[in-house]
Structures are given as structure tokens and as C-alpha cells.
Amino acid sequence: MERVKVEEFLQPKAMLTPGIAGGVTMLIANALWVAFSLPPRWTSLVLSFLVGLLVFVAKGGVPMWQRALYYVLNSLIIFSVSIGTNYVGVGLTHPPAQQTNAVEPRARLFFGDWLSIPSR
């Protein structure tokens, strides 16, 4: 069996990288939300674009304009995967029949609705 090199994993055209990065982004955004009350949708978007910078680290003779395009597309894919992963977690931890408002007002669950508008 041939060993996979890190350079092959970080290729701009690799499809696995945005998927894994999206899951990691969701985990970090949720942790920052629970610990520091940072808004997860904006935190996830910023983290997605930071992780998307890996495109510029990768070697491979790809023109700069193409790397920039990959950067934007990969970052948006990472963000989309992070939102999707979060909502899978919401569905698994809070099935529709079990959703109640019995949680303390200041308590935060790890998976939450990122896109709802907070009540003031």
C-alpha cells in the first residue's frame, strides 16, 4: 500500500480537505460559542476563510488567480459543511418531538441553531 503524502492532501483540487476542514470549523465555532458566547455563524465564516488559506500553502504550479478562486470556493464549501454538520448534530441531540424550552436561559448546548435571530 502506498503512503499518502501531506502535499497530496493539501492540493487545491482535493475534495476531502474542505469536508474535514468543515467538520473541524464546526467543532471550533461551537466550542467558542459555548465557552465565550461568540456568534457561531460569524465565527464559522471567519474560521472557514482562515482554514481556506491552506490553498496558498500547497505546492503545485497553479496560477495565482486560480488559487484565489479555489480559496473562495473552498472557504464557502468549508462554511457550508460546518453549518450542515452543526444541523446534523442539532437533529441528533434535539429530535423534533423532544424539543422543549426547559433549558435554563443562560445554558448553552454544544449544538444550537446558528441561523436563528437571538431574542433580546
PDB file of N, CA and C in Angstrom:
ATOM      1  N   MET A   1       0.844  -1.181   0.000  1.00  0.00           N
ATOM      2  CA  MET A   1       0.000   0.000   0.000  1.00  0.00           C
ATOM      3  C   MET A   1       0.891   1.247   0.000  1.00  0.00           C
ATOM      4  N   GLU A   2       0.561   2.206  -0.814  1.00  0.00           N
ATOM      5  CA  GLU A   2       1.353   3.418  -0.958  1.00  0.00           C
ATOM      6  C   GLU A   2       0.956   4.440   0.102  1.00  0.00           C
ATOM      7  N   ARG A   3       1.944   5.089   0.706  1.00  0.00           N
ATOM      8  CA  ARG A   3       1.673   6.105   1.726  1.00  0.00           C
ATOM      9  C   ARG A   3       1.223   7.397   1.068  1.00  0.00           C
ATOM     10  N   VAL A   4       0.254   8.046   1.665  1.00  0.00           N
ATOM     11  CA  VAL A   4      -0.238   9.326   1.172  1.00  0.00           C
ATOM     12  C   VAL A   4       0.596  10.437   1.791  1.00  0.00           C
ATOM     13  N   LYS A   5       1.066  11.357   0.957  1.00  0.00           N
ATOM     14  CA  LYS A   5       1.876  12.464   1.437  1.00  0.00           C
ATOM     15  C   LYS A   5       0.988  13.633   1.834  1.00  0.00           C
ATOM     16  N   VAL A   6       1.456  14.446   2.763  1.00  0.00           N
ATOM     17  CA  VAL A   6       0.707  15.619   3.208  1.00  0.00           C
ATOM     18  C   VAL A   6       0.456  16.566   2.043  1.00  0.00           C
ATOM     19  N   GLU A   7       1.432  16.707   1.134  1.00  0.00           N
ATOM     20  CA  GLU A   7       1.273  17.599  -0.014  1.00  0.00           C
ATOM     21  C   GLU A   7       0.083  17.188  -0.882  1.00  0.00           C
ATOM     22  N   GLU A   8      -0.166  15.885  -0.998  1.00  0.00           N
ATOM     23  CA  GLU A   8      -1.297  15.409  -1.795  1.00  0.00           C
ATOM     24  C   GLU A   8      -2.620  15.756  -1.113  1.00  0.00           C
ATOM     25  N   PHE A   9      -2.642  15.735   0.215  1.00  0.00           N
ATOM     26  CA  PHE A   9      -3.852  16.070   0.954  1.00  0.00           C
ATOM     27  C   PHE A   9      -4.183  17.551   0.840  1.00  0.00           C
ATOM     28  N   LEU A  10      -3.174  18.404   0.739  1.00  0.00           N
ATOM     29  CA  LEU A  10      -3.378  19.850   0.706  1.00  0.00           C
ATOM     30  C   LEU A  10      -3.501  20.409  -0.707  1.00  0.00           C
ATOM     31  N   GLN A  11      -3.725  19.574  -1.690  1.00  0.00           N
ATOM     32  CA  GLN A  11      -3.899  20.064  -3.051  1.00  0.00           C
ATOM     33  C   GLN A  11      -5.176  20.896  -3.146  1.00  0.00           C
ATOM     34  N   PRO A  12      -5.147  22.009  -3.876  1.00  0.00           N
ATOM     35  CA  PRO A  12      -6.343  22.846  -4.005  1.00  0.00           C
ATOM     36  C   PRO A  12      -7.528  22.101  -4.611  1.00  0.00           C
ATOM     37  N   LYS A  13      -7.248  21.104  -5.421  1.00  0.00           N
ATOM     38  CA  LYS A  13      -8.329  20.376  -6.086  1.00  0.00           C
ATOM     39  C   LYS A  13      -8.861  19.215  -5.251  1.00  0.00           C
ATOM     40  N   ALA A  14      -8.255  18.946  -4.102  1.00  0.00           N
ATOM     41  CA  ALA A  14      -8.681  17.814  -3.274  1.00  0.00           C
ATOM     42  C   ALA A  14     -10.063  18.085  -2.696  1.00  0.00           C
ATOM     43  N   MET A  15     -10.947  17.123  -2.790  1.00  0.00           N
ATOM     44  CA  MET A  15     -12.317  17.300  -2.301  1.00  0.00           C
ATOM     45  C   MET A  15     -12.451  16.933  -0.827  1.00  0.00           C
ATOM     46  N   LEU A  16     -11.555  16.127  -0.304  1.00  0.00           N
ATOM     47  CA  LEU A  16     -11.654  15.694   1.084  1.00  0.00           C
ATOM     48  C   LEU A  16     -11.298  16.823   2.045  1.00  0.00           C
ATOM     49  N   THR A  17     -10.378  17.670   1.650  1.00  0.00           N
ATOM     50  CA  THR A  17      -9.914  18.747   2.530  1.00  0.00           C
ATOM     51  C   THR A  17     -11.049  19.658   3.004  1.00  0.00           C
ATOM     52  N   PRO A  18     -11.911  20.192   2.119  1.00  0.00           N
ATOM     53  CA  PRO A  18     -13.000  21.055   2.610  1.00  0.00           C
ATOM     54  C   PRO A  18     -13.973  20.323   3.535  1.00  0.00           C
ATOM     55  N   GLY A  19     -14.196  19.037   3.291  1.00  0.00           N
ATOM     56  CA  GLY A  19     -15.104  18.286   4.157  1.00  0.00           C
ATOM     57  C   GLY A  19     -14.575  18.139   5.564  1.00  0.00           C
ATOM     58  N   ILE A  20     -13.324  17.754   5.688  1.00  0.00           N
ATOM     59  CA  ILE A  20     -12.706  17.614   7.011  1.00  0.00           C
ATOM     60  C   ILE A  20     -12.579  18.984   7.673  1.00  0.00           C
ATOM     61  N   ALA A  21     -12.149  19.974   6.893  1.00  0.00           N
ATOM     62  CA  ALA A  21     -11.999  21.323   7.442  1.00  0.00           C
ATOM     63  C   ALA A  21     -13.348  21.875   7.915  1.00  0.00           C
ATOM     64  N   GLY A  22     -14.431  21.544   7.217  1.00  0.00           N
ATOM     65  CA  GLY A  22     -15.760  21.994   7.633  1.00  0.00           C
ATOM     66  C   GLY A  22     -16.162  21.403   8.975  1.00  0.00           C
ATOM     67  N   GLY A  23     -15.866  20.124   9.176  1.00  0.00           N
ATOM     68  CA  GLY A  23     -16.157  19.497  10.458  1.00  0.00           C
ATOM     69  C   GLY A  23     -15.346  20.114  11.587  1.00  0.00           C
ATOM     70  N   VAL A  24     -14.069  20.359  11.320  1.00  0.00           N
ATOM     71  CA  VAL A  24     -13.201  20.979  12.326  1.00  0.00           C
ATOM     72  C   VAL A  24     -13.667  22.404  12.623  1.00  0.00           C
ATOM     73  N   THR A  25     -14.055  23.132  11.580  1.00  0.00           N
ATOM     74  CA  THR A  25     -14.554  24.506  11.753  1.00  0.00           C
ATOM     75  C   THR A  25     -15.801  24.514  12.622  1.00  0.00           C
ATOM     76  N   MET A  26     -16.708  23.560  12.392  1.00  0.00           N
ATOM     77  CA  MET A  26     -17.928  23.474  13.206  1.00  0.00           C
ATOM     78  C   MET A  26     -17.578  23.208  14.660  1.00  0.00           C
ATOM     79  N   LEU A  27     -16.642  22.292  14.897  1.00  0.00           N
ATOM     80  CA  LEU A  27     -16.251  21.990  16.275  1.00  0.00           C
ATOM     81  C   LEU A  27     -15.665  23.213  16.971  1.00  0.00           C
ATOM     82  N   ILE A  28     -14.784  23.923  16.280  1.00  0.00           N
ATOM     83  CA  ILE A  28     -14.155  25.102  16.883  1.00  0.00           C
ATOM     84  C   ILE A  28     -15.188  26.201  17.113  1.00  0.00           C
ATOM     85  N   ALA A  29     -16.063  26.454  16.125  1.00  0.00           N
ATOM     86  CA  ALA A  29     -17.077  27.511  16.258  1.00  0.00           C
ATOM     87  C   ALA A  29     -18.034  27.198  17.404  1.00  0.00           C
ATOM     88  N   ASN A  30     -18.451  25.939  17.527  1.00  0.00           N
ATOM     89  CA  ASN A  30     -19.351  25.571  18.631  1.00  0.00           C
ATOM     90  C   ASN A  30     -18.654  25.703  19.978  1.00  0.00           C
ATOM     91  N   ALA A  31     -17.385  25.309  20.029  1.00  0.00           N
ATOM     92  CA  ALA A  31     -16.648  25.429  21.294  1.00  0.00           C
ATOM     93  C   ALA A  31     -16.496  26.899  21.694  1.00  0.00           C
ATOM     94  N   LEU A  32     -16.202  27.771  20.729  1.00  0.00           N
ATOM     95  CA  LEU A  32     -16.077  29.205  21.029  1.00  0.00           C
ATOM     96  C   LEU A  32     -17.425  29.818  21.404  1.00  0.00           C
ATOM     97  N   TRP A  33     -18.501  29.287  20.840  1.00  0.00           N
ATOM     98  CA  TRP A  33     -19.846  29.754  21.170  1.00  0.00           C
ATOM     99  C   TRP A  33     -20.196  29.379  22.606  1.00  0.00           C
ATOM    100  N   VAL A  34     -19.947  28.124  22.961  1.00  0.00           N
ATOM    101  CA  VAL A  34     -20.279  27.652  24.304  1.00  0.00           C
ATOM    102  C   VAL A  34     -19.401  28.341  25.348  1.00  0.00           C
ATOM    103  N   ALA A  35     -18.115  28.448  25.071  1.00  0.00           N
ATOM    104  CA  ALA A  35     -17.185  28.978  26.066  1.00  0.00           C
ATOM    105  C   ALA A  35     -17.211  30.500  26.185  1.00  0.00           C
ATOM    106  N   PHE A  36     -17.322  31.199  25.044  1.00  0.00           N
ATOM    107  CA  PHE A  36     -17.163  32.654  25.064  1.00  0.00           C
ATOM    108  C   PHE A  36     -18.343  33.416  24.472  1.00  0.00           C
ATOM    109  N   SER A  37     -19.411  32.725  24.122  1.00  0.00           N
ATOM    110  CA  SER A  37     -20.623  33.326  23.543  1.00  0.00           C
ATOM    111  C   SER A  37     -20.351  34.062  22.224  1.00  0.00           C
ATOM    112  N   LEU A  38     -19.303  33.642  21.498  1.00  0.00           N
ATOM    113  CA  LEU A  38     -19.064  34.233  20.175  1.00  0.00           C
ATOM    114  C   LEU A  38     -20.152  33.750  19.225  1.00  0.00           C
ATOM    115  N   PRO A  39     -20.654  34.618  18.356  1.00  0.00           N
ATOM    116  CA  PRO A  39     -21.723  34.191  17.435  1.00  0.00           C
ATOM    117  C   PRO A  39     -21.206  33.118  16.476  1.00  0.00           C
ATOM    118  N   PRO A  40     -21.759  31.903  16.531  1.00  0.00           N
ATOM    119  CA  PRO A  40     -21.185  30.785  15.784  1.00  0.00           C
ATOM    120  C   PRO A  40     -21.230  30.951  14.267  1.00  0.00           C
ATOM    121  N   ARG A  41     -22.264  31.598  13.730  1.00  0.00           N
ATOM    122  CA  ARG A  41     -22.322  31.710  12.268  1.00  0.00           C
ATOM    123  C   ARG A  41     -21.203  32.600  11.750  1.00  0.00           C
ATOM    124  N   TRP A  42     -20.893  33.695  12.461  1.00  0.00           N
ATOM    125  CA  TRP A  42     -19.822  34.595  12.024  1.00  0.00           C
ATOM    126  C   TRP A  42     -18.456  34.001  12.343  1.00  0.00           C
ATOM    127  N   THR A  43     -18.354  33.347  13.480  1.00  0.00           N
ATOM    128  CA  THR A  43     -17.103  32.689  13.846  1.00  0.00           C
ATOM    129  C   THR A  43     -16.770  31.610  12.822  1.00  0.00           C
ATOM    130  N   SER A  44     -17.777  30.840  12.430  1.00  0.00           N
ATOM    131  CA  SER A  44     -17.579  29.783  11.445  1.00  0.00           C
ATOM    132  C   SER A  44     -17.154  30.360  10.097  1.00  0.00           C
ATOM    133  N   LEU A  45     -17.762  31.471   9.702  1.00  0.00           N
ATOM    134  CA  LEU A  45     -17.407  32.088   8.422  1.00  0.00           C
ATOM    135  C   LEU A  45     -15.951  32.569   8.443  1.00  0.00           C
ATOM    136  N   VAL A  46     -15.541  33.224   9.513  1.00  0.00           N
ATOM    137  CA  VAL A  46     -14.154  33.707   9.626  1.00  0.00           C
ATOM    138  C   VAL A  46     -13.186  32.525   9.652  1.00  0.00           C
ATOM    139  N   LEU A  47     -13.500  31.507  10.448  1.00  0.00           N
ATOM    140  CA  LEU A  47     -12.633  30.331  10.520  1.00  0.00           C
ATOM    141  C   LEU A  47     -12.545  29.620   9.171  1.00  0.00           C
ATOM    142  N   SER A  48     -13.649  29.578   8.430  1.00  0.00           N
ATOM    143  CA  SER A  48     -13.654  28.943   7.116  1.00  0.00           C
ATOM    144  C   SER A  48     -12.676  29.619   6.173  1.00  0.00           C
ATOM    145  N   PHE A  49     -12.654  30.945   6.194  1.00  0.00           N
ATOM    146  CA  PHE A  49     -11.740  31.666   5.319  1.00  0.00           C
ATOM    147  C   PHE A  49     -10.291  31.561   5.812  1.00  0.00           C
ATOM    148  N   LEU A  50     -10.094  31.435   7.120  1.00  0.00           N
ATOM    149  CA  LEU A  50      -8.741  31.224   7.636  1.00  0.00           C
ATOM    150  C   LEU A  50      -8.216  29.846   7.248  1.00  0.00           C
ATOM    151  N   VAL A  51      -9.045  28.813   7.405  1.00  0.00           N
ATOM    152  CA  VAL A  51      -8.644  27.458   7.024  1.00  0.00           C
ATOM    153  C   VAL A  51      -8.469  27.375   5.505  1.00  0.00           C
ATOM    154  N   GLY A  52      -9.270  28.124   4.764  1.00  0.00           N
ATOM    155  CA  GLY A  52      -9.160  28.141   3.306  1.00  0.00           C
ATOM    156  C   GLY A  52      -7.814  28.642   2.817  1.00  0.00           C
ATOM    157  N   LEU A  53      -7.077  29.330   3.675  1.00  0.00           N
ATOM    158  CA  LEU A  53      -5.750  29.821   3.293  1.00  0.00           C
ATOM    159  C   LEU A  53      -4.759  28.693   3.009  1.00  0.00           C
ATOM    160  N   LEU A  54      -5.109  27.461   3.374  1.00  0.00           N
ATOM    161  CA  LEU A  54      -4.244  26.318   3.073  1.00  0.00           C
ATOM    162  C   LEU A  54      -3.985  26.188   1.579  1.00  0.00           C
ATOM    163  N   VAL A  55      -4.876  26.697   0.765  1.00  0.00           N
ATOM    164  CA  VAL A  55      -4.704  26.638  -0.687  1.00  0.00           C
ATOM    165  C   VAL A  55      -3.417  27.343  -1.090  1.00  0.00           C
ATOM    166  N   PHE A  56      -3.060  28.408  -0.396  1.00  0.00           N
ATOM    167  CA  PHE A  56      -1.881  29.178  -0.757  1.00  0.00           C
ATOM    168  C   PHE A  56      -0.589  28.521  -0.265  1.00  0.00           C
ATOM    169  N   VAL A  57      -0.706  27.599   0.689  1.00  0.00           N
ATOM    170  CA  VAL A  57       0.459  26.881   1.201  1.00  0.00           C
ATOM    171  C   VAL A  57       0.821  25.725   0.271  1.00  0.00           C
ATOM    172  N   ALA A  58      -0.184  25.159  -0.389  1.00  0.00           N
ATOM    173  CA  ALA A  58       0.023  23.978  -1.224  1.00  0.00           C
ATOM    174  C   ALA A  58       0.895  24.299  -2.433  1.00  0.00           C
ATOM    175  N   LYS A  59       1.715  23.328  -2.782  1.00  0.00           N
ATOM    176  CA  LYS A  59       2.552  23.454  -3.972  1.00  0.00           C
ATOM    177  C   LYS A  59       1.787  22.886  -5.158  1.00  0.00           C
ATOM    178  N   GLY A  60       2.167  23.271  -6.350  1.00  0.00           N
ATOM    179  CA  GLY A  60       1.517  22.611  -7.466  1.00  0.00           C
ATOM    180  C   GLY A  60       1.409  23.418  -8.738  1.00  0.00           C
ATOM    181  N   GLY A  61       2.096  24.494  -8.904  1.00  0.00           N
ATOM    182  CA  GLY A  61       2.113  25.206 -10.170  1.00  0.00           C
ATOM    183  C   GLY A  61       0.763  25.725 -10.638  1.00  0.00           C
ATOM    184  N   VAL A  62      -0.130  26.006  -9.725  1.00  0.00           N
ATOM    185  CA  VAL A  62      -1.442  26.545 -10.083  1.00  0.00           C
ATOM    186  C   VAL A  62      -1.320  28.069 -10.114  1.00  0.00           C
ATOM    187  N   PRO A  63      -1.824  28.718 -11.189  1.00  0.00           N
ATOM    188  CA  PRO A  63      -1.732  30.183 -11.262  1.00  0.00           C
ATOM    189  C   PRO A  63      -2.424  30.865 -10.077  1.00  0.00           C
ATOM    190  N   MET A  64      -1.958  32.066  -9.742  1.00  0.00           N
ATOM    191  CA  MET A  64      -2.474  32.795  -8.573  1.00  0.00           C
ATOM    192  C   MET A  64      -3.968  33.063  -8.678  1.00  0.00           C
ATOM    193  N   TRP A  65      -4.474  33.431  -9.835  1.00  0.00           N
ATOM    194  CA  TRP A  65      -5.902  33.714  -9.974  1.00  0.00           C
ATOM    195  C   TRP A  65      -6.718  32.454  -9.697  1.00  0.00           C
ATOM    196  N   GLN A  66      -6.173  31.304 -10.108  1.00  0.00           N
ATOM    197  CA  GLN A  66      -6.885  30.041  -9.877  1.00  0.00           C
ATOM    198  C   GLN A  66      -6.839  29.673  -8.391  1.00  0.00           C
ATOM    199  N   ARG A  67      -5.711  29.930  -7.738  1.00  0.00           N
ATOM    200  CA  ARG A  67      -5.631  29.694  -6.293  1.00  0.00           C
ATOM    201  C   ARG A  67      -6.627  30.579  -5.547  1.00  0.00           C
ATOM    202  N   ALA A  68      -6.758  31.835  -5.970  1.00  0.00           N
ATOM    203  CA  ALA A  68      -7.708  32.750  -5.329  1.00  0.00           C
ATOM    204  C   ALA A  68      -9.133  32.232  -5.501  1.00  0.00           C
ATOM    205  N   LEU A  69      -9.444  31.726  -6.685  1.00  0.00           N
ATOM    206  CA  LEU A  69     -10.776  31.160  -6.928  1.00  0.00           C
ATOM    207  C   LEU A  69     -11.005  29.926  -6.051  1.00  0.00           C
ATOM    208  N   TYR A  70      -9.998  29.051  -5.999  1.00  0.00           N
ATOM    209  CA  TYR A  70     -10.093  27.883  -5.117  1.00  0.00           C
ATOM    210  C   TYR A  70     -10.258  28.305  -3.657  1.00  0.00           C
ATOM    211  N   TYR A  71      -9.565  29.355  -3.267  1.00  0.00           N
ATOM    212  CA  TYR A  71      -9.651  29.852  -1.897  1.00  0.00           C
ATOM    213  C   TYR A  71     -11.083  30.232  -1.549  1.00  0.00           C
ATOM    214  N   VAL A  72     -11.716  31.026  -2.394  1.00  0.00           N
ATOM    215  CA  VAL A  72     -13.095  31.461  -2.136  1.00  0.00           C
ATOM    216  C   VAL A  72     -14.038  30.261  -2.142  1.00  0.00           C
ATOM    217  N   LEU A  73     -13.931  29.417  -3.162  1.00  0.00           N
ATOM    218  CA  LEU A  73     -14.833  28.261  -3.255  1.00  0.00           C
ATOM    219  C   LEU A  73     -14.626  27.284  -2.101  1.00  0.00           C
ATOM    220  N   ASN A  74     -13.362  26.959  -1.800  1.00  0.00           N
ATOM    221  CA  ASN A  74     -13.101  26.041  -0.686  1.00  0.00           C
ATOM    222  C   ASN A  74     -13.575  26.624   0.636  1.00  0.00           C
ATOM    223  N   SER A  75     -13.377  27.912   0.844  1.00  0.00           N
ATOM    224  CA  SER A  75     -13.814  28.542   2.091  1.00  0.00           C
ATOM    225  C   SER A  75     -15.327  28.487   2.233  1.00  0.00           C
ATOM    226  N   LEU A  76     -16.048  28.726   1.151  1.00  0.00           N
ATOM    227  CA  LEU A  76     -17.512  28.641   1.206  1.00  0.00           C
ATOM    228  C   LEU A  76     -17.991  27.204   1.384  1.00  0.00           C
ATOM    229  N   ILE A  77     -17.271  26.254   0.789  1.00  0.00           N
ATOM    230  CA  ILE A  77     -17.620  24.843   0.996  1.00  0.00           C
ATOM    231  C   ILE A  77     -17.374  24.462   2.451  1.00  0.00           C
ATOM    232  N   ILE A  78     -16.253  24.903   3.007  1.00  0.00           N
ATOM    233  CA  ILE A  78     -15.954  24.631   4.420  1.00  0.00           C
ATOM    234  C   ILE A  78     -17.060  25.201   5.306  1.00  0.00           C
ATOM    235  N   PHE A  79     -17.483  26.423   5.033  1.00  0.00           N
ATOM    236  CA  PHE A  79     -18.554  27.054   5.804  1.00  0.00           C
ATOM    237  C   PHE A  79     -19.857  26.264   5.665  1.00  0.00           C
ATOM    238  N   SER A  80     -20.183  25.858   4.447  1.00  0.00           N
ATOM    239  CA  SER A  80     -21.418  25.092   4.217  1.00  0.00           C
ATOM    240  C   SER A  80     -21.386  23.756   4.947  1.00  0.00           C
ATOM    241  N   VAL A  81     -20.250  23.087   4.901  1.00  0.00           N
ATOM    242  CA  VAL A  81     -20.125  21.804   5.597  1.00  0.00           C
ATOM    243  C   VAL A  81     -20.240  22.005   7.103  1.00  0.00           C
ATOM    244  N   SER A  82     -19.657  23.097   7.615  1.00  0.00           N
ATOM    245  CA  SER A  82     -19.735  23.333   9.063  1.00  0.00           C
ATOM    246  C   SER A  82     -21.173  23.588   9.504  1.00  0.00           C
ATOM    247  N   ILE A  83     -21.934  24.341   8.719  1.00  0.00           N
ATOM    248  CA  ILE A  83     -23.348  24.566   9.056  1.00  0.00           C
ATOM    249  C   ILE A  83     -24.130  23.265   8.963  1.00  0.00           C
ATOM    250  N   GLY A  84     -23.896  22.509   7.896  1.00  0.00           N
ATOM    251  CA  GLY A  84     -24.595  21.226   7.732  1.00  0.00           C
ATOM    252  C   GLY A  84     -24.276  20.253   8.848  1.00  0.00           C
ATOM    253  N   THR A  85     -23.016  20.182   9.232  1.00  0.00           N
ATOM    254  CA  THR A  85     -22.607  19.294  10.313  1.00  0.00           C
ATOM    255  C   THR A  85     -23.260  19.713  11.623  1.00  0.00           C
ATOM    256  N   ASN A  86     -23.327  21.011  11.867  1.00  0.00           N
ATOM    257  CA  ASN A  86     -23.972  21.503  13.079  1.00  0.00           C
ATOM    258  C   ASN A  86     -25.452  21.099  13.099  1.00  0.00           C
ATOM    259  N   TYR A  87     -26.137  21.239  11.979  1.00  0.00           N
ATOM    260  CA  TYR A  87     -27.552  20.901  11.958  1.00  0.00           C
ATOM    261  C   TYR A  87     -27.802  19.404  12.058  1.00  0.00           C
ATOM    262  N   VAL A  88     -26.860  18.584  11.597  1.00  0.00           N
ATOM    263  CA  VAL A  88     -26.962  17.149  11.843  1.00  0.00           C
ATOM    264  C   VAL A  88     -26.880  16.898  13.345  1.00  0.00           C
ATOM    265  N   GLY A  89     -25.936  17.579  13.998  1.00  0.00           N
ATOM    266  CA  GLY A  89     -25.813  17.455  15.455  1.00  0.00           C
ATOM    267  C   GLY A  89     -27.055  17.924  16.176  1.00  0.00           C
ATOM    268  N   VAL A  90     -27.658  19.022  15.701  1.00  0.00           N
ATOM    269  CA  VAL A  90     -28.899  19.520  16.307  1.00  0.00           C
ATOM    270  C   VAL A  90     -29.989  18.468  16.168  1.00  0.00           C
ATOM    271  N   GLY A  91     -30.104  17.883  14.978  1.00  0.00           N
ATOM    272  CA  GLY A  91     -31.130  16.863  14.751  1.00  0.00           C
ATOM    273  C   GLY A  91     -30.936  15.624  15.601  1.00  0.00           C
ATOM    274  N   LEU A  92     -29.677  15.259  15.828  1.00  0.00           N
ATOM    275  CA  LEU A  92     -29.406  14.065  16.631  1.00  0.00           C
ATOM    276  C   LEU A  92     -29.586  14.310  18.120  1.00  0.00           C
ATOM    277  N   THR A  93     -29.240  15.505  18.585  1.00  0.00           N
ATOM    278  CA  THR A  93     -29.322  15.781  20.018  1.00  0.00           C
ATOM    279  C   THR A  93     -30.668  16.346  20.449  1.00  0.00           C
ATOM    280  N   HIS A  94     -31.410  16.927  19.519  1.00  0.00           N
ATOM    281  CA  HIS A  94     -32.718  17.508  19.837  1.00  0.00           C
ATOM    282  C   HIS A  94     -33.745  17.075  18.786  1.00  0.00           C
ATOM    283  N   PRO A  95     -34.181  15.805  18.830  1.00  0.00           N
ATOM    284  CA  PRO A  95     -35.198  15.393  17.862  1.00  0.00           C
ATOM    285  C   PRO A  95     -36.439  16.278  17.991  1.00  0.00           C
ATOM    286  N   PRO A  96     -37.160  16.514  16.895  1.00  0.00           N
ATOM    287  CA  PRO A  96     -38.307  17.435  16.927  1.00  0.00           C
ATOM    288  C   PRO A  96     -39.317  17.137  18.026  1.00  0.00           C
ATOM    289  N   ALA A  97     -39.563  15.863  18.345  1.00  0.00           N
ATOM    290  CA  ALA A  97     -40.550  15.521  19.366  1.00  0.00           C
ATOM    291  C   ALA A  97     -40.041  15.845  20.770  1.00  0.00           C
ATOM    292  N   GLN A  98     -38.730  15.971  20.951  1.00  0.00           N
ATOM    293  CA  GLN A  98     -38.176  16.185  22.277  1.00  0.00           C
ATOM    294  C   GLN A  98     -37.753  17.626  22.526  1.00  0.00           C
ATOM    295  N   GLN A  99     -37.928  18.501  21.571  1.00  0.00           N
ATOM    296  CA  GLN A  99     -37.501  19.883  21.767  1.00  0.00           C
ATOM    297  C   GLN A  99     -38.428  20.571  22.748  1.00  0.00           C
ATOM    298  N   THR A 100     -37.836  21.140  23.789  1.00  0.00           N
ATOM    299  CA  THR A 100     -38.604  21.870  24.793  1.00  0.00           C
ATOM    300  C   THR A 100     -37.855  23.145  25.130  1.00  0.00           C
ATOM    301  N   ASN A 101     -38.501  24.001  25.843  1.00  0.00           N
ATOM    302  CA  ASN A 101     -37.867  25.229  26.308  1.00  0.00           C
ATOM    303  C   ASN A 101     -37.477  25.104  27.776  1.00  0.00           C
ATOM    304  N   ALA A 102     -37.228  23.873  28.233  1.00  0.00           N
ATOM    305  CA  ALA A 102     -36.928  23.614  29.633  1.00  0.00           C
ATOM    306  C   ALA A 102     -35.470  23.900  29.994  1.00  0.00           C
ATOM    307  N   VAL A 103     -34.665  24.340  29.046  1.00  0.00           N
ATOM    308  CA  VAL A 103     -33.256  24.626  29.303  1.00  0.00           C
ATOM    309  C   VAL A 103     -33.143  25.976  29.988  1.00  0.00           C
ATOM    310  N   GLU A 104     -32.209  26.097  30.931  1.00  0.00           N
ATOM    311  CA  GLU A 104     -32.001  27.368  31.612  1.00  0.00           C
ATOM    312  C   GLU A 104     -31.682  28.448  30.580  1.00  0.00           C
ATOM    313  N   PRO A 105     -32.123  29.680  30.797  1.00  0.00           N
ATOM    314  CA  PRO A 105     -31.905  30.737  29.815  1.00  0.00           C
ATOM    315  C   PRO A 105     -30.439  30.981  29.474  1.00  0.00           C
ATOM    316  N   ARG A 106     -29.524  30.843  30.421  1.00  0.00           N
ATOM    317  CA  ARG A 106     -28.106  31.120  30.155  1.00  0.00           C
ATOM    318  C   ARG A 106     -27.329  29.866  29.752  1.00  0.00           C
ATOM    319  N   ALA A 107     -27.933  28.688  29.846  1.00  0.00           N
ATOM    320  CA  ALA A 107     -27.231  27.454  29.495  1.00  0.00           C
ATOM    321  C   ALA A 107     -27.102  27.355  27.976  1.00  0.00           C
ATOM    322  N   ARG A 108     -25.951  26.905  27.516  1.00  0.00           N
ATOM    323  CA  ARG A 108     -25.716  26.729  26.089  1.00  0.00           C
ATOM    324  C   ARG A 108     -25.483  25.245  25.830  1.00  0.00           C
ATOM    325  N   LEU A 109     -26.139  24.740  24.817  1.00  0.00           N
ATOM    326  CA  LEU A 109     -25.899  23.383  24.372  1.00  0.00           C
ATOM    327  C   LEU A 109     -24.821  23.430  23.311  1.00  0.00           C
ATOM    328  N   PHE A 110     -24.092  22.322  23.128  1.00  0.00           N
ATOM    329  CA  PHE A 110     -22.990  22.339  22.169  1.00  0.00           C
ATOM    330  C   PHE A 110     -23.496  22.551  20.747  1.00  0.00           C
ATOM    331  N   PHE A 111     -24.563  21.872  20.362  1.00  0.00           N
ATOM    332  CA  PHE A 111     -25.168  22.087  19.054  1.00  0.00           C
ATOM    333  C   PHE A 111     -26.342  23.026  19.227  1.00  0.00           C
ATOM    334  N   GLY A 112     -26.408  24.057  18.420  1.00  0.00           N
ATOM    335  CA  GLY A 112     -27.504  25.010  18.523  1.00  0.00           C
ATOM    336  C   GLY A 112     -27.845  25.585  17.161  1.00  0.00           C
ATOM    337  N   ASP A 113     -28.944  26.299  17.102  1.00  0.00           N
ATOM    338  CA  ASP A 113     -29.409  26.900  15.852  1.00  0.00           C
ATOM    339  C   ASP A 113     -28.578  28.134  15.562  1.00  0.00           C
ATOM    340  N   TRP A 114     -27.638  28.039  14.637  1.00  0.00           N
ATOM    341  CA  TRP A 114     -26.735  29.143  14.309  1.00  0.00           C
ATOM    342  C   TRP A 114     -27.447  30.264  13.588  1.00  0.00           C
ATOM    343  N   LEU A 115     -28.477  29.950  12.844  1.00  0.00           N
ATOM    344  CA  LEU A 115     -29.063  30.938  11.960  1.00  0.00           C
ATOM    345  C   LEU A 115     -30.288  31.638  12.546  1.00  0.00           C
ATOM    346  N   SER A 116     -30.706  31.241  13.739  1.00  0.00           N
ATOM    347  CA  SER A 116     -31.851  31.929  14.340  1.00  0.00           C
ATOM    348  C   SER A 116     -31.411  33.286  14.866  1.00  0.00           C
ATOM    349  N   ILE A 117     -32.317  34.203  14.865  1.00  0.00           N
ATOM    350  CA  ILE A 117     -32.028  35.542  15.381  1.00  0.00           C
ATOM    351  C   ILE A 117     -32.224  35.509  16.879  1.00  0.00           C
ATOM    352  N   PRO A 118     -31.183  35.867  17.651  1.00  0.00           N
ATOM    353  CA  PRO A 118     -31.323  35.806  19.114  1.00  0.00           C
ATOM    354  C   PRO A 118     -32.341  36.810  19.607  1.00  0.00           C
ATOM    355  N   SER A 119     -33.122  36.386  20.604  1.00  0.00           N
ATOM    356  CA  SER A 119     -34.110  37.313  21.202  1.00  0.00           C
ATOM    357  C   SER A 119     -33.398  38.199  22.195  1.00  0.00           C
ATOM    358  N   ARG A 120     -33.841  39.415  22.302  1.00  0.00           N
ATOM    359  CA  ARG A 120     -33.186  40.381  23.192  1.00  0.00           C
ATOM    360  C   ARG A 120     -34.048  40.650  24.399  1.00  0.00           C
TER     361      ARG A 120
END
